Amino acid sequence: MSSVHQPVPEPTLVFRQTHLSRLPVQLNVLLFASYAEALGAPSIALTLGEGASVADVLAAIRALAPGRGLPPALVAVNQEYASPEHLVAQGDEVAIIPPVAGG
């Protein structure tokens, strides 16, 4: 009886490739108005995976304050407004700027 030997991928190698593609990215997130109130701080340190976008930053911030109904916000990365698709990088400063009302 002949058997066909299929090579088995080495799990360690697969883990290393996955790990290297998602290195942690540390960000300083500045919070204003309702976001600062909801999280109880004017800024937080946030760590996301490499390849994270502005939309991912907002999702992570909203997850830290569930049920608070945080409003849509403009986002600036390194003092320039950024779209939700903009990718963030290690050490970026991200500002979450919700609409404000005044009178």
N, C-alpha and C. Protein backbone atom coordinates (compact mmCIF):
# COMPACT_ATOMS: atom_id res chain seq x y z
N MET A 1 0.85 -1.17 0.00
CA MET A 1 0.00 0.00 0.00
C MET A 1 0.90 1.23 0.00
N SER A 2 0.63 2.12 -0.91
CA SER A 2 1.45 3.31 -1.00
C SER A 2 0.67 4.49 -0.44
N SER A 3 1.35 5.35 0.26
CA SER A 3 0.68 6.54 0.79
C SER A 3 1.38 7.78 0.25
N VAL A 4 0.60 8.80 0.08
CA VAL A 4 1.15 10.05 -0.41
C VAL A 4 1.40 10.94 0.80
N HIS A 5 2.61 11.38 0.92
CA HIS A 5 2.98 12.24 2.05
C HIS A 5 2.81 13.71 1.65
N GLN A 6 1.92 14.37 2.32
CA GLN A 6 1.70 15.80 2.08
C GLN A 6 2.54 16.60 3.08
N PRO A 7 3.29 17.57 2.61
CA PRO A 7 4.05 18.38 3.57
C PRO A 7 3.11 19.18 4.46
N VAL A 8 3.45 19.28 5.71
CA VAL A 8 2.65 20.01 6.68
C VAL A 8 3.34 21.36 6.93
N PRO A 9 2.61 22.45 6.79
CA PRO A 9 3.24 23.74 7.04
C PRO A 9 3.72 23.83 8.48
N GLU A 10 4.82 24.49 8.66
CA GLU A 10 5.38 24.65 10.00
C GLU A 10 4.61 25.75 10.73
N PRO A 11 3.91 25.43 11.83
CA PRO A 11 3.08 26.42 12.52
C PRO A 11 3.86 27.65 12.98
N THR A 12 5.09 27.45 13.43
CA THR A 12 5.87 28.58 13.91
C THR A 12 6.10 29.60 12.80
N LEU A 13 6.38 29.14 11.60
CA LEU A 13 6.62 30.02 10.48
C LEU A 13 5.36 30.82 10.15
N VAL A 14 4.21 30.18 10.17
CA VAL A 14 2.95 30.87 9.90
C VAL A 14 2.71 31.93 10.96
N PHE A 15 2.96 31.61 12.22
CA PHE A 15 2.78 32.56 13.31
C PHE A 15 3.68 33.77 13.11
N ARG A 16 4.93 33.52 12.77
CA ARG A 16 5.86 34.64 12.59
C ARG A 16 5.40 35.55 11.47
N GLN A 17 4.93 35.01 10.37
CA GLN A 17 4.47 35.85 9.27
C GLN A 17 3.26 36.68 9.70
N THR A 18 2.33 36.07 10.40
CA THR A 18 1.15 36.79 10.87
C THR A 18 1.56 37.87 11.86
N HIS A 19 2.46 37.53 12.78
CA HIS A 19 2.89 38.46 13.80
C HIS A 19 3.59 39.67 13.16
N LEU A 20 4.44 39.43 12.21
CA LEU A 20 5.18 40.52 11.59
C LEU A 20 4.29 41.43 10.77
N SER A 21 3.19 40.92 10.24
CA SER A 21 2.32 41.76 9.42
C SER A 21 1.40 42.62 10.28
N ARG A 22 1.32 42.38 11.57
CA ARG A 22 0.43 43.15 12.44
C ARG A 22 1.18 43.67 13.67
N LEU A 23 2.32 44.33 13.44
CA LEU A 23 3.06 44.89 14.55
C LEU A 23 2.21 45.95 15.25
N PRO A 24 2.39 46.11 16.54
CA PRO A 24 1.60 47.12 17.23
C PRO A 24 2.01 48.54 16.84
N VAL A 25 1.01 49.41 16.75
CA VAL A 25 1.22 50.82 16.45
C VAL A 25 0.69 51.60 17.64
N GLN A 26 1.55 52.36 18.28
CA GLN A 26 1.14 53.14 19.45
C GLN A 26 0.85 54.57 19.03
N LEU A 27 -0.30 55.06 19.47
CA LEU A 27 -0.77 56.39 19.10
C LEU A 27 -1.09 57.20 20.35
N ASN A 28 -0.95 58.51 20.24
CA ASN A 28 -1.43 59.42 21.27
C ASN A 28 -2.72 60.03 20.73
N VAL A 29 -3.83 59.79 21.42
CA VAL A 29 -5.13 60.26 20.95
C VAL A 29 -5.60 61.40 21.85
N LEU A 30 -5.79 62.56 21.24
CA LEU A 30 -6.31 63.73 21.95
C LEU A 30 -7.83 63.72 21.84
N LEU A 31 -8.50 63.91 22.96
CA LEU A 31 -9.96 63.83 23.02
C LEU A 31 -10.53 65.19 23.38
N PHE A 32 -11.58 65.59 22.68
CA PHE A 32 -12.21 66.88 22.95
C PHE A 32 -13.69 66.70 23.22
N ALA A 33 -14.24 67.65 23.97
CA ALA A 33 -15.68 67.76 24.25
C ALA A 33 -16.26 66.42 24.73
N SER A 34 -17.30 65.93 24.05
CA SER A 34 -18.01 64.73 24.53
C SER A 34 -17.10 63.49 24.59
N TYR A 35 -16.08 63.41 23.75
CA TYR A 35 -15.18 62.25 23.80
C TYR A 35 -14.33 62.30 25.07
N ALA A 36 -13.83 63.47 25.42
CA ALA A 36 -13.05 63.60 26.65
C ALA A 36 -13.92 63.31 27.87
N GLU A 37 -15.16 63.79 27.84
CA GLU A 37 -16.09 63.53 28.95
C GLU A 37 -16.39 62.04 29.07
N ALA A 38 -16.65 61.38 27.95
CA ALA A 38 -17.02 59.96 27.97
C ALA A 38 -15.88 59.09 28.48
N LEU A 39 -14.65 59.45 28.15
CA LEU A 39 -13.51 58.63 28.57
C LEU A 39 -12.83 59.16 29.83
N GLY A 40 -13.25 60.33 30.30
CA GLY A 40 -12.74 60.86 31.55
C GLY A 40 -11.30 61.33 31.48
N ALA A 41 -10.83 61.71 30.29
CA ALA A 41 -9.45 62.16 30.14
C ALA A 41 -9.33 63.00 28.87
N PRO A 42 -8.39 63.93 28.84
CA PRO A 42 -8.19 64.73 27.63
C PRO A 42 -7.37 64.00 26.56
N SER A 43 -6.72 62.92 26.94
CA SER A 43 -5.95 62.14 25.96
C SER A 43 -5.74 60.73 26.50
N ILE A 44 -5.50 59.81 25.57
CA ILE A 44 -5.19 58.43 25.95
C ILE A 44 -4.12 57.88 25.00
N ALA A 45 -3.40 56.89 25.47
CA ALA A 45 -2.49 56.14 24.61
C ALA A 45 -3.30 54.96 24.07
N LEU A 46 -3.18 54.72 22.78
CA LEU A 46 -3.94 53.65 22.14
C LEU A 46 -2.99 52.82 21.30
N THR A 47 -3.11 51.50 21.39
CA THR A 47 -2.29 50.59 20.59
C THR A 47 -3.19 49.80 19.66
N LEU A 48 -2.91 49.89 18.37
CA LEU A 48 -3.66 49.14 17.35
C LEU A 48 -2.66 48.37 16.51
N GLY A 49 -3.15 47.51 15.63
CA GLY A 49 -2.28 46.75 14.74
C GLY A 49 -1.83 47.59 13.56
N GLU A 50 -0.69 47.23 13.01
CA GLU A 50 -0.18 47.90 11.82
C GLU A 50 -1.24 47.85 10.72
N GLY A 51 -1.37 48.91 9.96
CA GLY A 51 -2.37 48.97 8.91
C GLY A 51 -3.69 49.52 9.39
N ALA A 52 -3.75 49.98 10.65
CA ALA A 52 -4.99 50.55 11.19
C ALA A 52 -5.27 51.89 10.53
N SER A 53 -6.56 52.18 10.38
CA SER A 53 -6.99 53.42 9.76
C SER A 53 -7.62 54.34 10.80
N VAL A 54 -7.93 55.56 10.38
CA VAL A 54 -8.65 56.51 11.22
C VAL A 54 -9.97 55.90 11.67
N ALA A 55 -10.65 55.20 10.78
CA ALA A 55 -11.91 54.54 11.14
C ALA A 55 -11.69 53.52 12.26
N ASP A 56 -10.56 52.80 12.22
CA ASP A 56 -10.24 51.84 13.29
C ASP A 56 -10.00 52.55 14.62
N VAL A 57 -9.35 53.71 14.56
CA VAL A 57 -9.11 54.50 15.78
C VAL A 57 -10.45 54.90 16.39
N LEU A 58 -11.35 55.44 15.57
CA LEU A 58 -12.67 55.84 16.07
C LEU A 58 -13.43 54.66 16.66
N ALA A 59 -13.38 53.52 16.00
CA ALA A 59 -14.08 52.33 16.50
C ALA A 59 -13.51 51.90 17.86
N ALA A 60 -12.19 51.95 17.99
CA ALA A 60 -11.56 51.56 19.26
C ALA A 60 -11.93 52.54 20.37
N ILE A 61 -11.96 53.82 20.07
CA ILE A 61 -12.33 54.83 21.07
C ILE A 61 -13.79 54.64 21.49
N ARG A 62 -14.66 54.44 20.52
CA ARG A 62 -16.09 54.24 20.85
C ARG A 62 -16.30 52.97 21.67
N ALA A 63 -15.49 51.95 21.43
CA ALA A 63 -15.60 50.70 22.19
C ALA A 63 -15.19 50.90 23.65
N LEU A 64 -14.39 51.92 23.92
CA LEU A 64 -13.98 52.21 25.30
C LEU A 64 -15.08 52.92 26.09
N ALA A 65 -16.09 53.42 25.38
CA ALA A 65 -17.21 54.12 26.03
C ALA A 65 -18.53 53.59 25.47
N PRO A 66 -18.81 52.30 25.69
CA PRO A 66 -20.04 51.73 25.12
C PRO A 66 -21.29 52.38 25.70
N GLY A 67 -22.30 52.53 24.85
CA GLY A 67 -23.57 53.07 25.29
C GLY A 67 -23.58 54.57 25.50
N ARG A 68 -22.50 55.24 25.17
CA ARG A 68 -22.45 56.69 25.39
C ARG A 68 -23.01 57.49 24.23
N GLY A 69 -23.26 56.85 23.09
CA GLY A 69 -23.82 57.56 21.95
C GLY A 69 -22.95 58.70 21.46
N LEU A 70 -21.67 58.44 21.33
CA LEU A 70 -20.75 59.49 20.89
C LEU A 70 -21.07 59.93 19.47
N PRO A 71 -21.03 61.24 19.21
CA PRO A 71 -21.40 61.76 17.90
C PRO A 71 -20.30 61.51 16.86
N PRO A 72 -20.65 61.66 15.59
CA PRO A 72 -19.61 61.60 14.55
C PRO A 72 -18.58 62.69 14.85
N ALA A 73 -17.36 62.48 14.40
CA ALA A 73 -16.31 63.45 14.70
C ALA A 73 -15.37 63.62 13.51
N LEU A 74 -14.78 64.78 13.44
CA LEU A 74 -13.67 64.99 12.52
C LEU A 74 -12.43 64.44 13.20
N VAL A 75 -11.47 64.02 12.40
CA VAL A 75 -10.24 63.48 12.95
C VAL A 75 -9.06 64.15 12.27
N ALA A 76 -8.09 64.54 13.07
CA ALA A 76 -6.85 65.09 12.54
C ALA A 76 -5.72 64.15 12.94
N VAL A 77 -4.82 63.90 12.01
CA VAL A 77 -3.62 63.10 12.29
C VAL A 77 -2.43 64.02 12.09
N ASN A 78 -1.66 64.18 13.16
CA ASN A 78 -0.50 65.08 13.14
C ASN A 78 -0.89 66.48 12.65
N GLN A 79 -2.01 66.97 13.19
CA GLN A 79 -2.53 68.32 12.98
C GLN A 79 -3.04 68.60 11.57
N GLU A 80 -3.38 67.53 10.83
CA GLU A 80 -4.01 67.69 9.51
C GLU A 80 -5.24 66.80 9.46
N TYR A 81 -6.36 67.36 8.98
CA TYR A 81 -7.57 66.56 8.89
C TYR A 81 -7.32 65.33 8.02
N ALA A 82 -7.93 64.22 8.44
CA ALA A 82 -7.70 62.94 7.75
C ALA A 82 -9.03 62.24 7.47
N SER A 83 -9.07 61.52 6.37
CA SER A 83 -10.27 60.74 6.00
C SER A 83 -10.30 59.45 6.82
N PRO A 84 -11.47 58.79 6.87
CA PRO A 84 -11.56 57.52 7.60
C PRO A 84 -10.61 56.45 7.06
N GLU A 85 -10.25 56.52 5.79
CA GLU A 85 -9.37 55.52 5.18
C GLU A 85 -7.89 55.77 5.44
N HIS A 86 -7.56 56.95 5.95
CA HIS A 86 -6.16 57.31 6.19
C HIS A 86 -5.52 56.33 7.17
N LEU A 87 -4.36 55.79 6.83
CA LEU A 87 -3.66 54.86 7.71
C LEU A 87 -2.84 55.62 8.73
N VAL A 88 -2.89 55.15 9.97
CA VAL A 88 -2.10 55.76 11.03
C VAL A 88 -0.79 54.98 11.18
N ALA A 89 0.22 55.68 11.71
CA ALA A 89 1.55 55.07 11.86
C ALA A 89 2.05 55.25 13.28
N GLN A 90 3.05 54.48 13.62
CA GLN A 90 3.67 54.53 14.94
C GLN A 90 3.97 55.97 15.35
N GLY A 91 3.50 56.35 16.55
CA GLY A 91 3.80 57.66 17.10
C GLY A 91 2.92 58.80 16.62
N ASP A 92 1.94 58.52 15.76
CA ASP A 92 1.06 59.58 15.27
C ASP A 92 0.27 60.18 16.44
N GLU A 93 -0.02 61.47 16.30
CA GLU A 93 -0.93 62.15 17.22
C GLU A 93 -2.27 62.26 16.50
N VAL A 94 -3.31 61.69 17.11
CA VAL A 94 -4.64 61.66 16.49
C VAL A 94 -5.56 62.48 17.40
N ALA A 95 -6.22 63.47 16.80
CA ALA A 95 -7.17 64.30 17.55
C ALA A 95 -8.59 63.97 17.11
N ILE A 96 -9.46 63.69 18.08
CA ILE A 96 -10.87 63.40 17.81
C ILE A 96 -11.65 64.68 18.14
N ILE A 97 -12.27 65.27 17.10
CA ILE A 97 -12.90 66.59 17.26
C ILE A 97 -14.39 66.48 16.91
N PRO A 98 -15.24 66.32 17.94
CA PRO A 98 -16.69 66.24 17.69
C PRO A 98 -17.25 67.64 17.41
N PRO A 99 -18.47 67.69 16.85
CA PRO A 99 -19.09 68.99 16.64
C PRO A 99 -19.37 69.65 17.99
N VAL A 100 -19.27 70.95 18.01
CA VAL A 100 -19.57 71.68 19.25
C VAL A 100 -20.68 72.69 18.96
N ALA A 101 -21.47 72.95 19.97
CA ALA A 101 -22.54 73.93 19.83
C ALA A 101 -22.26 75.07 20.80
N GLY A 102 -22.65 76.19 20.43
CA GLY A 102 -22.42 77.35 21.31
C GLY A 102 -23.48 78.39 21.06
N GLY A 103 -23.44 79.39 21.84
CA GLY A 103 -24.44 80.39 21.65
C GLY A 103 -24.00 81.74 22.07
